Protein backbone atom coordinates (compact mmCIF):
# COMPACT_ATOMS: atom_id res chain seq x y z
CA ILE A 1 -8.65 28.81 -6.32
CA ASN A 2 -7.84 32.39 -6.51
CA SER A 3 -6.18 32.39 -3.08
CA LEU A 4 -4.35 29.45 -3.66
CA SER A 5 -2.88 30.59 -6.81
CA ARG A 6 -1.77 33.84 -5.09
CA TYR A 7 -0.20 31.78 -2.30
CA LEU A 8 1.61 29.58 -4.83
CA ASN A 9 2.66 32.80 -6.92
CA ILE A 10 0.81 31.45 -10.04
CA ASN A 11 -0.47 34.23 -12.10
CA ASN A 12 -3.80 34.36 -13.91
CA GLY A 13 -6.17 32.90 -10.99
CA PHE A 14 -8.09 29.61 -12.12
CA ASP A 15 -6.56 29.34 -15.73
CA GLY A 16 -3.05 29.67 -14.25
CA PHE A 17 -3.68 27.09 -11.73
CA LEU A 18 -5.19 24.81 -14.06
CA SER A 19 -2.16 25.16 -16.42
CA PHE A 20 0.12 24.73 -13.39
CA VAL A 21 -1.86 21.32 -12.42
CA LYS A 22 -1.76 20.08 -15.74
CA ASN A 23 2.00 20.76 -16.28
CA LEU A 24 2.52 18.92 -12.85
CA ASN A 25 0.38 16.03 -13.76
CA LYS A 26 2.51 15.71 -17.23
CA ALA A 27 5.58 16.06 -15.39
CA LEU A 28 4.81 13.38 -12.75
CA ASN A 29 3.30 11.24 -15.85
CA ILE A 30 0.01 11.05 -14.18
CA PRO A 31 -2.65 9.73 -17.00
CA ILE A 32 -5.47 12.29 -17.99
CA ASN A 33 -7.88 9.63 -18.94
CA LEU A 34 -8.71 5.77 -18.35
CA SER A 35 -7.56 4.79 -21.73
CA GLU A 36 -4.11 5.76 -20.76
CA ILE A 37 -3.85 3.26 -18.21
CA GLY A 38 -5.55 0.52 -20.35
CA VAL A 39 -9.15 0.81 -19.76
CA LEU A 40 -11.22 -0.04 -22.62
CA GLU A 41 -14.91 0.53 -23.07
CA GLY A 42 -15.45 -3.45 -22.77
CA ASP A 43 -13.98 -3.19 -19.47
CA ILE A 44 -16.99 -0.63 -18.00
CA ASP A 45 -19.36 -3.19 -17.33
CA ARG A 46 -17.22 -5.17 -15.07
CA ILE A 47 -15.78 -2.41 -13.59
CA VAL A 48 -19.27 -0.87 -12.71
CA GLU A 49 -20.34 -4.26 -11.16
CA GLY A 50 -17.26 -4.21 -8.66
CA ALA A 51 -17.83 -0.62 -8.01
CA LEU A 52 -21.51 -0.98 -6.93
CA LYS A 53 -20.35 -3.95 -4.71
CA ASP A 54 -17.69 -1.59 -2.63
CA PRO A 55 -18.75 -0.35 0.69
CA SER A 56 -16.78 2.91 0.38
CA LYS A 57 -19.33 3.74 -2.56
CA ASN A 58 -21.70 5.46 -0.01
CA GLY A 59 -19.05 7.92 0.86
CA ASN A 60 -19.68 9.54 -2.80
CA PRO A 61 -21.47 12.77 -2.89
CA VAL A 62 -23.86 11.62 -5.48
CA LYS A 63 -25.56 8.01 -5.30
CA LEU A 64 -23.88 5.71 -7.30
CA ASN A 65 -25.98 3.49 -9.80
CA ALA A 66 -25.18 1.24 -13.00
CA LYS A 67 -26.49 4.16 -15.38
CA ASN A 68 -24.61 7.11 -13.73
CA LEU A 69 -21.31 5.29 -13.07
CA LYS A 70 -21.34 3.71 -16.80
CA LYS A 71 -21.89 7.44 -18.01
CA LEU A 72 -18.90 8.72 -15.83
CA LEU A 73 -16.74 5.86 -16.73
CA ILE A 74 -17.51 6.17 -20.58
CA SER A 75 -16.63 10.02 -20.39
CA ALA A 76 -13.58 9.24 -18.76
CA ILE A 77 -12.16 7.02 -21.43
């Protein structure tokens, strides 16, 4: 991150880069959590069910199961 910050002429290393990314996301209207796109806690079980059926789930660095995926989604709301 520090070398990328220098390349982009961003001061303050990681903190400066994080601020840059947050500002870019805001400028592009990129939501910062799932609730900003209308996902409710009541939707999570359905999302988990679909995600566990998706064959691309095996490409994740952490093996997904219903428990850890539900925990992840709740924290993202």
